């Protein structure tokens, strides 16, 4: 059974997070990706309309594009589609996994080395 969309934010919030500059960069990049994606969705919906209106002009199309861009940015900022949350969850695990090192040597922990040896 799948979780409803409203539970995705709760699942993502419950996941452990690492407060680091890399994590902040990942979140910002994920939100930017979501904004671009939503902008493309809105643009596709506009192009699928019946046709030009009576008062449509290049200037009104330009203002529509700017409004669509602001709408997409606001939706991404609020996490309306939770795309950024899913990206942070997926790639954040890789970020956390690569940051785990032993303090003295800077090398990966011995468990990771044993796992690689067992895989051979």
PDB file of N, CA and C in Angstrom:
ATOM      1  N   UNK A   1       0.843  -1.176   0.000  1.00  0.00           N
ATOM      2  CA  UNK A   1       0.000   0.000   0.000  1.00  0.00           C
ATOM      3  C   UNK A   1       0.882   1.231   0.000  1.00  0.00           C
ATOM      4  N   UNK A   2       0.540   2.226  -0.761  1.00  0.00           N
ATOM      5  CA  UNK A   2       1.347   3.432  -0.841  1.00  0.00           C
ATOM      6  C   UNK A   2       0.845   4.476   0.129  1.00  0.00           C
ATOM      7  N   UNK A   3       1.749   5.354   0.529  1.00  0.00           N
ATOM      8  CA  UNK A   3       1.392   6.449   1.419  1.00  0.00           C
ATOM      9  C   UNK A   3       0.751   7.568   0.628  1.00  0.00           C
ATOM     10  N   UNK A   4      -0.245   8.236   1.193  1.00  0.00           N
ATOM     11  CA  UNK A   4      -0.787   9.404   0.511  1.00  0.00           C
ATOM     12  C   UNK A   4       0.255  10.513   0.473  1.00  0.00           C
ATOM     13  N   UNK A   5       0.063  11.438  -0.447  1.00  0.00           N
ATOM     14  CA  UNK A   5       1.037  12.510  -0.644  1.00  0.00           C
ATOM     15  C   UNK A   5       1.223  13.326   0.631  1.00  0.00           C
ATOM     16  N   UNK A   6       0.164  13.519   1.408  1.00  0.00           N
ATOM     17  CA  UNK A   6       0.277  14.338   2.609  1.00  0.00           C
ATOM     18  C   UNK A   6       1.230  13.728   3.635  1.00  0.00           C
ATOM     19  N   UNK A   7       1.465  12.424   3.595  1.00  0.00           N
ATOM     20  CA  UNK A   7       2.364  11.781   4.548  1.00  0.00           C
ATOM     21  C   UNK A   7       3.823  11.825   4.113  1.00  0.00           C
ATOM     22  N   UNK A   8       4.098  12.237   2.900  1.00  0.00           N
ATOM     23  CA  UNK A   8       5.484  12.293   2.424  1.00  0.00           C
ATOM     24  C   UNK A   8       6.279  13.311   3.223  1.00  0.00           C
ATOM     25  N   UNK A   9       5.685  14.461   3.509  1.00  0.00           N
ATOM     26  CA  UNK A   9       6.397  15.483   4.283  1.00  0.00           C
ATOM     27  C   UNK A   9       6.703  14.978   5.683  1.00  0.00           C
ATOM     28  N   UNK A  10       5.789  14.257   6.294  1.00  0.00           N
ATOM     29  CA  UNK A  10       6.026  13.715   7.634  1.00  0.00           C
ATOM     30  C   UNK A  10       7.125  12.666   7.603  1.00  0.00           C
ATOM     31  N   UNK A  11       7.147  11.826   6.570  1.00  0.00           N
ATOM     32  CA  UNK A  11       8.181  10.805   6.432  1.00  0.00           C
ATOM     33  C   UNK A  11       9.540  11.449   6.236  1.00  0.00           C
ATOM     34  N   UNK A  12       9.589  12.480   5.411  1.00  0.00           N
ATOM     35  CA  UNK A  12      10.847  13.167   5.150  1.00  0.00           C
ATOM     36  C   UNK A  12      11.330  13.897   6.389  1.00  0.00           C
ATOM     37  N   UNK A  13      10.406  14.509   7.134  1.00  0.00           N
ATOM     38  CA  UNK A  13      10.791  15.239   8.335  1.00  0.00           C
ATOM     39  C   UNK A  13      11.310  14.296   9.413  1.00  0.00           C
ATOM     40  N   UNK A  14      10.817  13.062   9.429  1.00  0.00           N
ATOM     41  CA  UNK A  14      11.236  12.112  10.443  1.00  0.00           C
ATOM     42  C   UNK A  14      12.619  11.537  10.156  1.00  0.00           C
ATOM     43  N   UNK A  15      13.083  11.640   8.916  1.00  0.00           N
ATOM     44  CA  UNK A  15      14.391  11.100   8.558  1.00  0.00           C
ATOM     45  C   UNK A  15      15.487  11.931   9.216  1.00  0.00           C
ATOM     46  N   UNK A  16      16.566  11.278   9.653  1.00  0.00           N
ATOM     47  CA  UNK A  16      17.649  12.033  10.283  1.00  0.00           C
ATOM     48  C   UNK A  16      18.324  12.933   9.257  1.00  0.00           C
ATOM     49  N   UNK A  17      18.684  14.119   9.699  1.00  0.00           N
ATOM     50  CA  UNK A  17      19.329  15.042   8.792  1.00  0.00           C
ATOM     51  C   UNK A  17      20.650  15.506   9.399  1.00  0.00           C
ATOM     52  N   UNK A  18      21.561  15.848   8.549  1.00  0.00           N
ATOM     53  CA  UNK A  18      22.854  16.339   8.974  1.00  0.00           C
ATOM     54  C   UNK A  18      22.892  17.820   8.645  1.00  0.00           C
ATOM     55  N   UNK A  19      23.081  18.648   9.648  1.00  0.00           N
ATOM     56  CA  UNK A  19      23.155  20.087   9.428  1.00  0.00           C
ATOM     57  C   UNK A  19      24.572  20.422   8.985  1.00  0.00           C
ATOM     58  N   UNK A  20      24.761  20.531   7.703  1.00  0.00           N
ATOM     59  CA  UNK A  20      26.078  20.845   7.173  1.00  0.00           C
ATOM     60  C   UNK A  20      25.907  21.762   5.975  1.00  0.00           C
ATOM     61  N   UNK A  21      26.973  22.413   5.574  1.00  0.00           N
ATOM     62  CA  UNK A  21      26.883  23.258   4.388  1.00  0.00           C
ATOM     63  C   UNK A  21      26.504  22.462   3.133  1.00  0.00           C
ATOM     64  N   UNK A  22      27.002  21.222   3.044  1.00  0.00           N
ATOM     65  CA  UNK A  22      26.659  20.393   1.889  1.00  0.00           C
ATOM     66  C   UNK A  22      25.177  20.062   1.874  1.00  0.00           C
ATOM     67  N   UNK A  23      24.604  19.801   3.033  1.00  0.00           N
ATOM     68  CA  UNK A  23      23.175  19.499   3.129  1.00  0.00           C
ATOM     69  C   UNK A  23      22.356  20.722   2.725  1.00  0.00           C
ATOM     70  N   UNK A  24      22.787  21.905   3.139  1.00  0.00           N
ATOM     71  CA  UNK A  24      22.086  23.136   2.774  1.00  0.00           C
ATOM     72  C   UNK A  24      22.163  23.375   1.268  1.00  0.00           C
ATOM     73  N   UNK A  25      23.328  23.105   0.687  1.00  0.00           N
ATOM     74  CA  UNK A  25      23.482  23.254  -0.763  1.00  0.00           C
ATOM     75  C   UNK A  25      22.586  22.267  -1.510  1.00  0.00           C
ATOM     76  N   UNK A  26      22.503  21.046  -0.995  1.00  0.00           N
ATOM     77  CA  UNK A  26      21.654  20.031  -1.613  1.00  0.00           C
ATOM     78  C   UNK A  26      20.196  20.456  -1.573  1.00  0.00           C
ATOM     79  N   UNK A  27      19.736  20.972  -0.443  1.00  0.00           N
ATOM     80  CA  UNK A  27      18.349  21.416  -0.316  1.00  0.00           C
ATOM     81  C   UNK A  27      18.058  22.565  -1.272  1.00  0.00           C
ATOM     82  N   UNK A  28      18.987  23.502  -1.377  1.00  0.00           N
ATOM     83  CA  UNK A  28      18.806  24.648  -2.272  1.00  0.00           C
ATOM     84  C   UNK A  28      18.756  24.191  -3.736  1.00  0.00           C
ATOM     85  N   UNK A  29      19.628  23.273  -4.100  1.00  0.00           N
ATOM     86  CA  UNK A  29      19.646  22.751  -5.473  1.00  0.00           C
ATOM     87  C   UNK A  29      18.374  21.958  -5.773  1.00  0.00           C
ATOM     88  N   UNK A  30      17.898  21.194  -4.794  1.00  0.00           N
ATOM     89  CA  UNK A  30      16.671  20.419  -4.985  1.00  0.00           C
ATOM     90  C   UNK A  30      15.470  21.340  -5.160  1.00  0.00           C
ATOM     91  N   UNK A  31      15.420  22.429  -4.399  1.00  0.00           N
ATOM     92  CA  UNK A  31      14.329  23.393  -4.557  1.00  0.00           C
ATOM     93  C   UNK A  31      14.410  24.088  -5.915  1.00  0.00           C
ATOM     94  N   UNK A  32      15.615  24.390  -6.368  1.00  0.00           N
ATOM     95  CA  UNK A  32      15.778  25.009  -7.683  1.00  0.00           C
ATOM     96  C   UNK A  32      15.321  24.052  -8.781  1.00  0.00           C
ATOM     97  N   UNK A  33      15.638  22.755  -8.627  1.00  0.00           N
ATOM     98  CA  UNK A  33      15.194  21.766  -9.602  1.00  0.00           C
ATOM     99  C   UNK A  33      13.674  21.682  -9.619  1.00  0.00           C
ATOM    100  N   UNK A  34      13.061  21.668  -8.432  1.00  0.00           N
ATOM    101  CA  UNK A  34      11.596  21.614  -8.360  1.00  0.00           C
ATOM    102  C   UNK A  34      10.977  22.848  -9.019  1.00  0.00           C
ATOM    103  N   UNK A  35      11.578  24.014  -8.832  1.00  0.00           N
ATOM    104  CA  UNK A  35      11.065  25.234  -9.449  1.00  0.00           C
ATOM    105  C   UNK A  35      11.134  25.155 -10.979  1.00  0.00           C
ATOM    106  N   UNK A  36      12.233  24.649 -11.500  1.00  0.00           N
ATOM    107  CA  UNK A  36      12.373  24.495 -12.956  1.00  0.00           C
ATOM    108  C   UNK A  36      11.340  23.502 -13.487  1.00  0.00           C
ATOM    109  N   UNK A  37      11.154  22.408 -12.756  1.00  0.00           N
ATOM    110  CA  UNK A  37      10.188  21.390 -13.161  1.00  0.00           C
ATOM    111  C   UNK A  37       8.769  21.957 -13.180  1.00  0.00           C
ATOM    112  N   UNK A  38       8.397  22.676 -12.135  1.00  0.00           N
ATOM    113  CA  UNK A  38       7.053  23.270 -12.068  1.00  0.00           C
ATOM    114  C   UNK A  38       6.886  24.318 -13.161  1.00  0.00           C
ATOM    115  N   UNK A  39       7.933  25.089 -13.423  1.00  0.00           N
ATOM    116  CA  UNK A  39       7.883  26.092 -14.501  1.00  0.00           C
ATOM    117  C   UNK A  39       7.608  25.414 -15.843  1.00  0.00           C
ATOM    118  N   UNK A  40       8.246  24.267 -16.083  1.00  0.00           N
ATOM    119  CA  UNK A  40       8.017  23.518 -17.320  1.00  0.00           C
ATOM    120  C   UNK A  40       6.583  22.985 -17.371  1.00  0.00           C
ATOM    121  N   UNK A  41       6.062  22.527 -16.248  1.00  0.00           N
ATOM    122  CA  UNK A  41       4.674  22.046 -16.198  1.00  0.00           C
ATOM    123  C   UNK A  41       3.693  23.164 -16.538  1.00  0.00           C
ATOM    124  N   UNK A  42       3.899  24.320 -15.924  1.00  0.00           N
ATOM    125  CA  UNK A  42       3.005  25.447 -16.178  1.00  0.00           C
ATOM    126  C   UNK A  42       3.099  25.878 -17.638  1.00  0.00           C
ATOM    127  N   UNK A  43       4.316  25.917 -18.180  1.00  0.00           N
ATOM    128  CA  UNK A  43       4.493  26.282 -19.585  1.00  0.00           C
ATOM    129  C   UNK A  43       3.801  25.305 -20.521  1.00  0.00           C
ATOM    130  N   UNK A  44       3.874  24.019 -20.197  1.00  0.00           N
ATOM    131  CA  UNK A  44       3.194  23.017 -21.024  1.00  0.00           C
ATOM    132  C   UNK A  44       1.685  23.174 -20.946  1.00  0.00           C
ATOM    133  N   UNK A  45       1.189  23.496 -19.770  1.00  0.00           N
ATOM    134  CA  UNK A  45      -0.254  23.705 -19.632  1.00  0.00           C
ATOM    135  C   UNK A  45      -0.709  24.932 -20.412  1.00  0.00           C
ATOM    136  N   UNK A  46       0.088  25.983 -20.389  1.00  0.00           N
ATOM    137  CA  UNK A  46      -0.276  27.206 -21.138  1.00  0.00           C
ATOM    138  C   UNK A  46      -0.265  26.937 -22.647  1.00  0.00           C
ATOM    139  N   UNK A  47       0.692  26.162 -23.112  1.00  0.00           N
ATOM    140  CA  UNK A  47       0.776  25.906 -24.556  1.00  0.00           C
ATOM    141  C   UNK A  47      -0.344  24.993 -25.033  1.00  0.00           C
ATOM    142  N   UNK A  48      -0.976  24.281 -24.108  1.00  0.00           N
ATOM    143  CA  UNK A  48      -2.073  23.383 -24.481  1.00  0.00           C
ATOM    144  C   UNK A  48      -3.419  24.099 -24.491  1.00  0.00           C
ATOM    145  N   UNK A  49      -3.424  25.414 -24.316  1.00  0.00           N
ATOM    146  CA  UNK A  49      -4.691  26.156 -24.297  1.00  0.00           C
ATOM    147  C   UNK A  49      -5.292  26.213 -25.699  1.00  0.00           C
ATOM    148  N   UNK A  50      -6.548  26.634 -25.769  1.00  0.00           N
ATOM    149  CA  UNK A  50      -7.284  26.647 -27.035  1.00  0.00           C
ATOM    150  C   UNK A  50      -6.689  27.583 -28.078  1.00  0.00           C
ATOM    151  N   UNK A  51      -6.180  28.696 -27.664  1.00  0.00           N
ATOM    152  CA  UNK A  51      -5.618  29.623 -28.636  1.00  0.00           C
ATOM    153  C   UNK A  51      -5.405  30.980 -28.009  1.00  0.00           C
ATOM    154  N   UNK A  52      -5.123  31.943 -28.861  1.00  0.00           N
ATOM    155  CA  UNK A  52      -4.873  33.305 -28.382  1.00  0.00           C
ATOM    156  C   UNK A  52      -6.180  33.981 -28.003  1.00  0.00           C
ATOM    157  N   UNK A  53      -6.107  34.760 -26.952  1.00  0.00           N
ATOM    158  CA  UNK A  53      -7.250  35.545 -26.531  1.00  0.00           C
ATOM    159  C   UNK A  53      -7.302  36.840 -27.310  1.00  0.00           C
ATOM    160  N   UNK A  54      -8.351  37.577 -27.107  1.00  0.00           N
ATOM    161  CA  UNK A  54      -8.561  38.831 -27.818  1.00  0.00           C
ATOM    162  C   UNK A  54      -7.484  39.849 -27.494  1.00  0.00           C
ATOM    163  N   UNK A  55      -7.045  39.877 -26.245  1.00  0.00           N
ATOM    164  CA  UNK A  55      -6.086  40.893 -25.825  1.00  0.00           C
ATOM    165  C   UNK A  55      -4.670  40.343 -25.641  1.00  0.00           C
ATOM    166  N   UNK A  56      -4.382  39.169 -26.160  1.00  0.00           N
ATOM    167  CA  UNK A  56      -3.045  38.601 -26.022  1.00  0.00           C
ATOM    168  C   UNK A  56      -2.055  39.340 -26.916  1.00  0.00           C
ATOM    169  N   UNK A  57      -0.892  39.590 -26.367  1.00  0.00           N
ATOM    170  CA  UNK A  57       0.193  40.221 -27.118  1.00  0.00           C
ATOM    171  C   UNK A  57       1.503  39.656 -26.589  1.00  0.00           C
ATOM    172  N   UNK A  58       2.589  40.037 -27.202  1.00  0.00           N
ATOM    173  CA  UNK A  58       3.901  39.588 -26.740  1.00  0.00           C
ATOM    174  C   UNK A  58       4.171  40.104 -25.327  1.00  0.00           C
ATOM    175  N   UNK A  59       3.722  41.322 -25.040  1.00  0.00           N
ATOM    176  CA  UNK A  59       3.945  41.888 -23.703  1.00  0.00           C
ATOM    177  C   UNK A  59       3.174  41.100 -22.645  1.00  0.00           C
ATOM    178  N   UNK A  60       1.920  40.761 -22.942  1.00  0.00           N
ATOM    179  CA  UNK A  60       1.143  40.002 -21.953  1.00  0.00           C
ATOM    180  C   UNK A  60       1.711  38.598 -21.783  1.00  0.00           C
ATOM    181  N   UNK A  61       2.231  38.011 -22.847  1.00  0.00           N
ATOM    182  CA  UNK A  61       2.866  36.695 -22.736  1.00  0.00           C
ATOM    183  C   UNK A  61       4.127  36.774 -21.871  1.00  0.00           C
ATOM    184  N   UNK A  62       4.873  37.859 -22.018  1.00  0.00           N
ATOM    185  CA  UNK A  62       6.071  38.034 -21.215  1.00  0.00           C
ATOM    186  C   UNK A  62       5.710  38.164 -19.734  1.00  0.00           C
ATOM    187  N   UNK A  63       4.662  38.929 -19.436  1.00  0.00           N
ATOM    188  CA  UNK A  63       4.235  39.064 -18.045  1.00  0.00           C
ATOM    189  C   UNK A  63       3.662  37.758 -17.511  1.00  0.00           C
ATOM    190  N   UNK A  64       2.994  36.998 -18.352  1.00  0.00           N
ATOM    191  CA  UNK A  64       2.513  35.679 -17.942  1.00  0.00           C
ATOM    192  C   UNK A  64       3.679  34.768 -17.590  1.00  0.00           C
ATOM    193  N   UNK A  65       4.729  34.808 -18.400  1.00  0.00           N
ATOM    194  CA  UNK A  65       5.916  33.992 -18.128  1.00  0.00           C
ATOM    195  C   UNK A  65       6.569  34.384 -16.803  1.00  0.00           C
ATOM    196  N   UNK A  66       6.640  35.704 -16.550  1.00  0.00           N
ATOM    197  CA  UNK A  66       7.215  36.150 -15.281  1.00  0.00           C
ATOM    198  C   UNK A  66       6.340  35.720 -14.101  1.00  0.00           C
ATOM    199  N   UNK A  67       5.034  35.813 -14.246  1.00  0.00           N
ATOM    200  CA  UNK A  67       4.119  35.380 -13.184  1.00  0.00           C
ATOM    201  C   UNK A  67       4.219  33.873 -12.969  1.00  0.00           C
ATOM    202  N   UNK A  68       4.319  33.130 -14.062  1.00  0.00           N
ATOM    203  CA  UNK A  68       4.471  31.677 -13.953  1.00  0.00           C
ATOM    204  C   UNK A  68       5.766  31.321 -13.232  1.00  0.00           C
ATOM    205  N   UNK A  69       6.817  32.060 -13.518  1.00  0.00           N
ATOM    206  CA  UNK A  69       8.102  31.815 -12.871  1.00  0.00           C
ATOM    207  C   UNK A  69       8.012  32.068 -11.370  1.00  0.00           C
ATOM    208  N   UNK A  70       7.382  33.165 -10.991  1.00  0.00           N
ATOM    209  CA  UNK A  70       7.205  33.477  -9.568  1.00  0.00           C
ATOM    210  C   UNK A  70       6.339  32.422  -8.889  1.00  0.00           C
ATOM    211  N   UNK A  71       5.286  31.969  -9.578  1.00  0.00           N
ATOM    212  CA  UNK A  71       4.416  30.937  -9.025  1.00  0.00           C
ATOM    213  C   UNK A  71       5.199  29.647  -8.815  1.00  0.00           C
ATOM    214  N   UNK A  72       5.998  29.264  -9.788  1.00  0.00           N
ATOM    215  CA  UNK A  72       6.807  28.043  -9.688  1.00  0.00           C
ATOM    216  C   UNK A  72       7.804  28.155  -8.544  1.00  0.00           C
ATOM    217  N   UNK A  73       8.443  29.313  -8.399  1.00  0.00           N
ATOM    218  CA  UNK A  73       9.396  29.507  -7.299  1.00  0.00           C
ATOM    219  C   UNK A  73       8.702  29.407  -5.945  1.00  0.00           C
ATOM    220  N   UNK A  74       7.505  30.009  -5.838  1.00  0.00           N
ATOM    221  CA  UNK A  74       6.763  29.966  -4.574  1.00  0.00           C
ATOM    222  C   UNK A  74       6.327  28.536  -4.254  1.00  0.00           C
ATOM    223  N   UNK A  75       5.882  27.801  -5.268  1.00  0.00           N
ATOM    224  CA  UNK A  75       5.466  26.410  -5.047  1.00  0.00           C
ATOM    225  C   UNK A  75       6.650  25.553  -4.602  1.00  0.00           C
ATOM    226  N   UNK A  76       7.809  25.779  -5.210  1.00  0.00           N
ATOM    227  CA  UNK A  76       9.006  25.020  -4.831  1.00  0.00           C
ATOM    228  C   UNK A  76       9.454  25.393  -3.421  1.00  0.00           C
ATOM    229  N   UNK A  77       9.362  26.669  -3.082  1.00  0.00           N
ATOM    230  CA  UNK A  77       9.750  27.128  -1.746  1.00  0.00           C
ATOM    231  C   UNK A  77       8.870  26.491  -0.673  1.00  0.00           C
ATOM    232  N   UNK A  78       7.571  26.363  -0.965  1.00  0.00           N
ATOM    233  CA  UNK A  78       6.640  25.761  -0.007  1.00  0.00           C
ATOM    234  C   UNK A  78       6.685  24.242  -0.042  1.00  0.00           C
ATOM    235  N   UNK A  79       7.283  23.670  -1.093  1.00  0.00           N
ATOM    236  CA  UNK A  79       7.337  22.217  -1.210  1.00  0.00           C
ATOM    237  C   UNK A  79       6.002  21.628  -1.603  1.00  0.00           C
ATOM    238  N   UNK A  80       5.290  22.297  -2.485  1.00  0.00           N
ATOM    239  CA  UNK A  80       3.932  21.892  -2.855  1.00  0.00           C
ATOM    240  C   UNK A  80       3.889  20.487  -3.455  1.00  0.00           C
ATOM    241  N   UNK A  81       4.851  20.133  -4.260  1.00  0.00           N
ATOM    242  CA  UNK A  81       4.856  18.816  -4.896  1.00  0.00           C
ATOM    243  C   UNK A  81       5.793  17.826  -4.202  1.00  0.00           C
ATOM    244  N   UNK A  82       6.574  18.296  -3.245  1.00  0.00           N
ATOM    245  CA  UNK A  82       7.503  17.464  -2.459  1.00  0.00           C
ATOM    246  C   UNK A  82       8.598  16.817  -3.309  1.00  0.00           C
ATOM    247  N   UNK A  83       8.863  17.371  -4.466  1.00  0.00           N
ATOM    248  CA  UNK A  83       9.940  16.842  -5.308  1.00  0.00           C
ATOM    249  C   UNK A  83      11.289  17.110  -4.642  1.00  0.00           C
ATOM    250  N   UNK A  84      11.478  18.313  -4.139  1.00  0.00           N
ATOM    251  CA  UNK A  84      12.740  18.653  -3.478  1.00  0.00           C
ATOM    252  C   UNK A  84      12.968  17.773  -2.253  1.00  0.00           C
ATOM    253  N   UNK A  85      11.898  17.490  -1.501  1.00  0.00           N
ATOM    254  CA  UNK A  85      12.028  16.625  -0.324  1.00  0.00           C
ATOM    255  C   UNK A  85      12.500  15.229  -0.716  1.00  0.00           C
ATOM    256  N   UNK A  86      11.942  14.702  -1.796  1.00  0.00           N
ATOM    257  CA  UNK A  86      12.343  13.371  -2.242  1.00  0.00           C
ATOM    258  C   UNK A  86      13.786  13.355  -2.731  1.00  0.00           C
ATOM    259  N   UNK A  87      14.198  14.423  -3.428  1.00  0.00           N
ATOM    260  CA  UNK A  87      15.584  14.496  -3.887  1.00  0.00           C
ATOM    261  C   UNK A  87      16.553  14.591  -2.709  1.00  0.00           C
ATOM    262  N   UNK A  88      16.206  15.408  -1.715  1.00  0.00           N
ATOM    263  CA  UNK A  88      17.068  15.541  -0.527  1.00  0.00           C
ATOM    264  C   UNK A  88      17.150  14.218   0.207  1.00  0.00           C
ATOM    265  N   UNK A  89      16.031  13.518   0.296  1.00  0.00           N
ATOM    266  CA  UNK A  89      16.028  12.226   0.980  1.00  0.00           C
ATOM    267  C   UNK A  89      16.907  11.221   0.237  1.00  0.00           C
ATOM    268  N   UNK A  90      16.794  11.192  -1.090  1.00  0.00           N
ATOM    269  CA  UNK A  90      17.560  10.229  -1.882  1.00  0.00           C
ATOM    270  C   UNK A  90      19.049  10.556  -1.895  1.00  0.00           C
ATOM    271  N   UNK A  91      19.385  11.800  -2.202  1.00  0.00           N
ATOM    272  CA  UNK A  91      20.792  12.158  -2.325  1.00  0.00           C
ATOM    273  C   UNK A  91      21.426  12.520  -0.991  1.00  0.00           C
ATOM    274  N   UNK A  92      20.614  12.861   0.006  1.00  0.00           N
ATOM    275  CA  UNK A  92      21.143  13.141   1.334  1.00  0.00           C
ATOM    276  C   UNK A  92      21.752  11.913   1.968  1.00  0.00           C
ATOM    277  N   UNK A  93      21.174  10.751   1.688  1.00  0.00           N
ATOM    278  CA  UNK A  93      21.732   9.504   2.211  1.00  0.00           C
ATOM    279  C   UNK A  93      23.130   9.267   1.637  1.00  0.00           C
ATOM    280  N   UNK A  94      23.312   9.580   0.390  1.00  0.00           N
ATOM    281  CA  UNK A  94      24.652   9.441  -0.218  1.00  0.00           C
ATOM    282  C   UNK A  94      25.623  10.442   0.388  1.00  0.00           C
ATOM    283  N   UNK A  95      25.117  11.643   0.652  1.00  0.00           N
ATOM    284  CA  UNK A  95      25.954  12.692   1.231  1.00  0.00           C
ATOM    285  C   UNK A  95      26.400  12.303   2.630  1.00  0.00           C
ATOM    286  N   UNK A  96      25.473  11.774   3.432  1.00  0.00           N
ATOM    287  CA  UNK A  96      25.792  11.330   4.786  1.00  0.00           C
ATOM    288  C   UNK A  96      26.728  10.136   4.737  1.00  0.00           C
ATOM    289  N   UNK A  97      26.497   9.199   3.812  1.00  0.00           N
ATOM    290  CA  UNK A  97      27.335   8.015   3.688  1.00  0.00           C
ATOM    291  C   UNK A  97      28.765   8.352   3.306  1.00  0.00           C
ATOM    292  N   UNK A  98      28.955   9.369   2.479  1.00  0.00           N
ATOM    293  CA  UNK A  98      30.307   9.733   2.069  1.00  0.00           C
ATOM    294  C   UNK A  98      31.014  10.558   3.131  1.00  0.00           C
ATOM    295  N   UNK A  99      30.250  11.141   4.071  1.00  0.00           N
ATOM    296  CA  UNK A  99      30.860  11.981   5.104  1.00  0.00           C
ATOM    297  C   UNK A  99      31.309  11.177   6.309  1.00  0.00           C
ATOM    298  N   UNK A 100      30.945   9.897   6.387  1.00  0.00           N
ATOM    299  CA  UNK A 100      31.314   9.083   7.540  1.00  0.00           C
ATOM    300  C   UNK A 100      32.764   8.628   7.374  1.00  0.00           C
ATOM    301  N   UNK A 101      33.625   9.152   8.221  1.00  0.00           N
ATOM    302  CA  UNK A 101      35.039   8.769   8.215  1.00  0.00           C
ATOM    303  C   UNK A 101      35.511   8.675   9.660  1.00  0.00           C
ATOM    304  N   UNK A 102      36.620   8.000   9.844  1.00  0.00           N
ATOM    305  CA  UNK A 102      37.174   7.943  11.194  1.00  0.00           C
ATOM    306  C   UNK A 102      37.920   9.235  11.461  1.00  0.00           C
ATOM    307  N   UNK A 103      37.817   9.789  12.657  1.00  0.00           N
ATOM    308  CA  UNK A 103      38.418  11.092  12.931  1.00  0.00           C
ATOM    309  C   UNK A 103      39.942  11.097  12.856  1.00  0.00           C
ATOM    310  N   UNK A 104      40.603  10.026  13.281  1.00  0.00           N
ATOM    311  CA  UNK A 104      42.062  10.028  13.354  1.00  0.00           C
ATOM    312  C   UNK A 104      42.711   9.962  11.976  1.00  0.00           C
ATOM    313  N   UNK A 105      42.226   9.078  11.112  1.00  0.00           N
ATOM    314  CA  UNK A 105      42.898   8.863   9.838  1.00  0.00           C
ATOM    315  C   UNK A 105      42.185   9.499   8.661  1.00  0.00           C
ATOM    316  N   UNK A 106      40.908   9.802   8.826  1.00  0.00           N
ATOM    317  CA  UNK A 106      40.151  10.335   7.710  1.00  0.00           C
ATOM    318  C   UNK A 106      39.733   9.263   6.733  1.00  0.00           C
ATOM    319  N   UNK A 107      39.997   7.995   7.074  1.00  0.00           N
ATOM    320  CA  UNK A 107      39.652   6.872   6.202  1.00  0.00           C
ATOM    321  C   UNK A 107      38.247   6.381   6.534  1.00  0.00           C
ATOM    322  N   UNK A 108      37.644   5.643   5.624  1.00  0.00           N
ATOM    323  CA  UNK A 108      36.330   5.071   5.926  1.00  0.00           C
ATOM    324  C   UNK A 108      36.427   4.092   7.088  1.00  0.00           C
ATOM    325  N   UNK A 109      35.328   3.872   7.794  1.00  0.00           N
ATOM    326  CA  UNK A 109      35.362   2.937   8.915  1.00  0.00           C
ATOM    327  C   UNK A 109      35.693   1.527   8.463  1.00  0.00           C
ATOM    328  N   UNK A 110      36.167   0.725   9.387  1.00  0.00           N
ATOM    329  CA  UNK A 110      36.592  -0.643   9.076  1.00  0.00           C
ATOM    330  C   UNK A 110      35.433  -1.488   8.585  1.00  0.00           C
ATOM    331  N   UNK A 111      34.229  -1.216   9.027  1.00  0.00           N
ATOM    332  CA  UNK A 111      33.066  -1.993   8.603  1.00  0.00           C
ATOM    333  C   UNK A 111      32.882  -1.881   7.096  1.00  0.00           C
ATOM    334  N   UNK A 112      33.065  -0.696   6.557  1.00  0.00           N
ATOM    335  CA  UNK A 112      32.919  -0.508   5.121  1.00  0.00           C
ATOM    336  C   UNK A 112      33.976  -1.293   4.365  1.00  0.00           C
ATOM    337  N   UNK A 113      35.201  -1.343   4.883  1.00  0.00           N
ATOM    338  CA  UNK A 113      36.268  -2.097   4.232  1.00  0.00           C
ATOM    339  C   UNK A 113      35.969  -3.584   4.273  1.00  0.00           C
ATOM    340  N   UNK A 114      35.440  -4.096   5.411  1.00  0.00           N
ATOM    341  CA  UNK A 114      35.096  -5.494   5.524  1.00  0.00           C
ATOM    342  C   UNK A 114      33.987  -5.850   4.560  1.00  0.00           C
ATOM    343  N   UNK A 115      33.042  -4.963   4.360  1.00  0.00           N
ATOM    344  CA  UNK A 115      31.926  -5.200   3.439  1.00  0.00           C
ATOM    345  C   UNK A 115      32.441  -5.310   2.018  1.00  0.00           C
ATOM    346  N   UNK A 116      33.403  -4.469   1.651  1.00  0.00           N
ATOM    347  CA  UNK A 116      33.974  -4.526   0.310  1.00  0.00           C
ATOM    348  C   UNK A 116      34.745  -5.833   0.107  1.00  0.00           C
ATOM    349  N   UNK A 117      35.454  -6.269   1.124  1.00  0.00           N
ATOM    350  CA  UNK A 117      36.227  -7.508   1.032  1.00  0.00           C
ATOM    351  C   UNK A 117      35.290  -8.704   0.916  1.00  0.00           C
ATOM    352  N   UNK A 118      34.169  -8.683   1.626  1.00  0.00           N
ATOM    353  CA  UNK A 118      33.209  -9.771   1.567  1.00  0.00           C
ATOM    354  C   UNK A 118      32.500  -9.831   0.219  1.00  0.00           C
ATOM    355  N   UNK A 119      32.390  -8.693  -0.442  1.00  0.00           N
ATOM    356  CA  UNK A 119      31.709  -8.639  -1.741  1.00  0.00           C
ATOM    357  C   UNK A 119      32.558  -9.264  -2.840  1.00  0.00           C
ATOM    358  N   UNK A 120      33.867  -9.338  -2.629  1.00  0.00           N
ATOM    359  CA  UNK A 120      34.761  -9.895  -3.662  1.00  0.00           C
ATOM    360  C   UNK A 120      34.600 -11.338  -3.723  1.00  0.00           C
TER     361      UNK A 120
END
